[in-house]
Amino acid sequence: MANPPSRRFTGSAREAAEAAFKSATTKPAAPAPAAKPAASLPAAREMVTLRLDRAVLEHFQQEGPGWQDRINLALRKAAGL
């Protein structure tokens, strides 16, 4: 009767942790570029985290729903867009 394979890791704990970290953080190879670039949406928005003063946030929220749109409009105006 053959002995079952050992389930113990023969390397060090550090080597195992580094291998696990490397496999979790390595980006996969980029896909080949498409023949035609995908059309981007002109009014697409991106979710971001932004830290604002409490007074600024309250100013835009006091009129109720739509405060994020009002902040976006004010930023566009300030940027000259």
C-alpha atoms as a PDB file:
ATOM      1  CA  MET A   1       0.000   0.000   0.000  1.00  0.00           C
ATOM      2  CA  ALA A   2       1.408   3.398  -0.983  1.00  0.00           C
ATOM      3  CA  ASN A   3       1.700   6.192   1.536  1.00  0.00           C
ATOM      4  CA  PRO A   4      -0.692   9.127   0.899  1.00  0.00           C
ATOM      5  CA  PRO A   5       1.012  12.371  -0.141  1.00  0.00           C
ATOM      6  CA  SER A   6       1.951  14.692   2.694  1.00  0.00           C
ATOM      7  CA  ARG A   7      -0.274  17.744   3.097  1.00  0.00           C
ATOM      8  CA  ARG A   8       2.414  19.741   4.813  1.00  0.00           C
ATOM      9  CA  PHE A   9       4.015  22.667   3.052  1.00  0.00           C
ATOM     10  CA  THR A  10       7.717  22.021   2.811  1.00  0.00           C
ATOM     11  CA  GLY A  11       8.746  25.694   2.348  1.00  0.00           C
ATOM     12  CA  SER A  12       8.782  28.432   4.936  1.00  0.00           C
ATOM     13  CA  ALA A  13       5.690  30.368   6.002  1.00  0.00           C
ATOM     14  CA  ARG A  14       7.250  33.506   4.550  1.00  0.00           C
ATOM     15  CA  GLU A  15       7.682  31.889   1.130  1.00  0.00           C
ATOM     16  CA  ALA A  16       4.057  30.747   1.209  1.00  0.00           C
ATOM     17  CA  ALA A  17       2.839  34.235   2.164  1.00  0.00           C
ATOM     18  CA  GLU A  18       4.934  35.888  -0.547  1.00  0.00           C
ATOM     19  CA  ALA A  19       3.657  33.453  -3.178  1.00  0.00           C
ATOM     20  CA  ALA A  20       0.043  34.068  -2.116  1.00  0.00           C
ATOM     21  CA  PHE A  21       0.564  37.849  -2.159  1.00  0.00           C
ATOM     22  CA  LYS A  22       2.228  37.747  -5.566  1.00  0.00           C
ATOM     23  CA  SER A  23      -0.572  35.677  -7.092  1.00  0.00           C
ATOM     24  CA  ALA A  24      -3.211  37.997  -5.626  1.00  0.00           C
ATOM     25  CA  THR A  25      -1.540  41.240  -6.724  1.00  0.00           C
ATOM     26  CA  THR A  26      -0.188  40.319 -10.139  1.00  0.00           C
ATOM     27  CA  LYS A  27      -2.228  41.888 -12.903  1.00  0.00           C
ATOM     28  CA  PRO A  28      -3.234  39.618 -15.756  1.00  0.00           C
ATOM     29  CA  ALA A  29      -1.798  40.377 -19.171  1.00  0.00           C
ATOM     30  CA  ALA A  30      -3.652  43.127 -20.995  1.00  0.00           C
ATOM     31  CA  PRO A  31      -5.979  41.916 -23.723  1.00  0.00           C
ATOM     32  CA  ALA A  32      -5.042  42.662 -27.307  1.00  0.00           C
ATOM     33  CA  PRO A  33      -6.398  46.022 -28.460  1.00  0.00           C
ATOM     34  CA  ALA A  34      -9.699  45.819 -30.286  1.00  0.00           C
ATOM     35  CA  ALA A  35      -9.867  46.631 -33.982  1.00  0.00           C
ATOM     36  CA  LYS A  36     -12.183  49.578 -33.235  1.00  0.00           C
ATOM     37  CA  PRO A  37     -11.948  51.483 -29.971  1.00  0.00           C
ATOM     38  CA  ALA A  38     -15.191  51.407 -28.057  1.00  0.00           C
ATOM     39  CA  ALA A  39     -17.137  54.639 -28.168  1.00  0.00           C
ATOM     40  CA  SER A  40     -16.904  56.495 -24.891  1.00  0.00           C
ATOM     41  CA  LEU A  41     -19.990  57.970 -23.369  1.00  0.00           C
ATOM     42  CA  PRO A  42     -19.779  61.777 -23.464  1.00  0.00           C
ATOM     43  CA  ALA A  43     -21.740  62.309 -20.241  1.00  0.00           C
ATOM     44  CA  ALA A  44     -20.409  59.284 -18.350  1.00  0.00           C
ATOM     45  CA  ARG A  45     -19.668  59.923 -14.704  1.00  0.00           C
ATOM     46  CA  GLU A  46     -17.092  58.318 -12.506  1.00  0.00           C
ATOM     47  CA  MET A  47     -17.592  57.492  -8.861  1.00  0.00           C
ATOM     48  CA  VAL A  48     -14.977  59.154  -6.661  1.00  0.00           C
ATOM     49  CA  THR A  49     -14.441  59.889  -3.007  1.00  0.00           C
ATOM     50  CA  LEU A  50     -14.151  63.579  -2.256  1.00  0.00           C
ATOM     51  CA  ARG A  51     -13.623  65.307   1.074  1.00  0.00           C
ATOM     52  CA  LEU A  52     -15.621  68.523   1.418  1.00  0.00           C
ATOM     53  CA  ASP A  53     -16.005  71.001   4.251  1.00  0.00           C
ATOM     54  CA  ARG A  54     -19.175  70.356   6.254  1.00  0.00           C
ATOM     55  CA  ALA A  55     -20.475  73.872   5.409  1.00  0.00           C
ATOM     56  CA  VAL A  56     -20.040  73.259   1.669  1.00  0.00           C
ATOM     57  CA  LEU A  57     -21.837  69.925   1.849  1.00  0.00           C
ATOM     58  CA  GLU A  58     -24.709  71.392   3.889  1.00  0.00           C
ATOM     59  CA  HIS A  59     -25.043  74.251   1.397  1.00  0.00           C
ATOM     60  CA  PHE A  60     -25.601  71.873  -1.501  1.00  0.00           C
ATOM     61  CA  GLN A  61     -27.764  69.435   0.486  1.00  0.00           C
ATOM     62  CA  GLN A  62     -30.143  72.066   1.889  1.00  0.00           C
ATOM     63  CA  GLU A  63     -32.210  72.075  -1.326  1.00  0.00           C
ATOM     64  CA  GLY A  64     -32.745  68.320  -1.072  1.00  0.00           C
ATOM     65  CA  PRO A  65     -32.183  65.574  -3.648  1.00  0.00           C
ATOM     66  CA  GLY A  66     -29.907  66.388  -6.561  1.00  0.00           C
ATOM     67  CA  TRP A  67     -27.152  67.853  -4.409  1.00  0.00           C
ATOM     68  CA  GLN A  68     -24.488  65.799  -6.185  1.00  0.00           C
ATOM     69  CA  ASP A  69     -25.629  67.180  -9.534  1.00  0.00           C
ATOM     70  CA  ARG A  70     -25.478  70.721  -8.112  1.00  0.00           C
ATOM     71  CA  ILE A  71     -21.923  70.153  -6.865  1.00  0.00           C
ATOM     72  CA  ASN A  72     -20.961  68.773 -10.296  1.00  0.00           C
ATOM     73  CA  LEU A  73     -22.510  71.823 -12.013  1.00  0.00           C
ATOM     74  CA  ALA A  74     -20.680  74.223  -9.694  1.00  0.00           C
ATOM     75  CA  LEU A  75     -17.367  72.437 -10.296  1.00  0.00           C
ATOM     76  CA  ARG A  76     -17.894  72.494 -14.076  1.00  0.00           C
ATOM     77  CA  LYS A  77     -18.635  76.224 -13.911  1.00  0.00           C
ATOM     78  CA  ALA A  78     -15.556  76.888 -11.727  1.00  0.00           C
ATOM     79  CA  ALA A  79     -13.380  74.880 -14.145  1.00  0.00           C
ATOM     80  CA  GLY A  80     -14.787  76.714 -17.154  1.00  0.00           C
ATOM     81  CA  LEU A  81     -16.270  73.594 -18.732  1.00  0.00           C
END
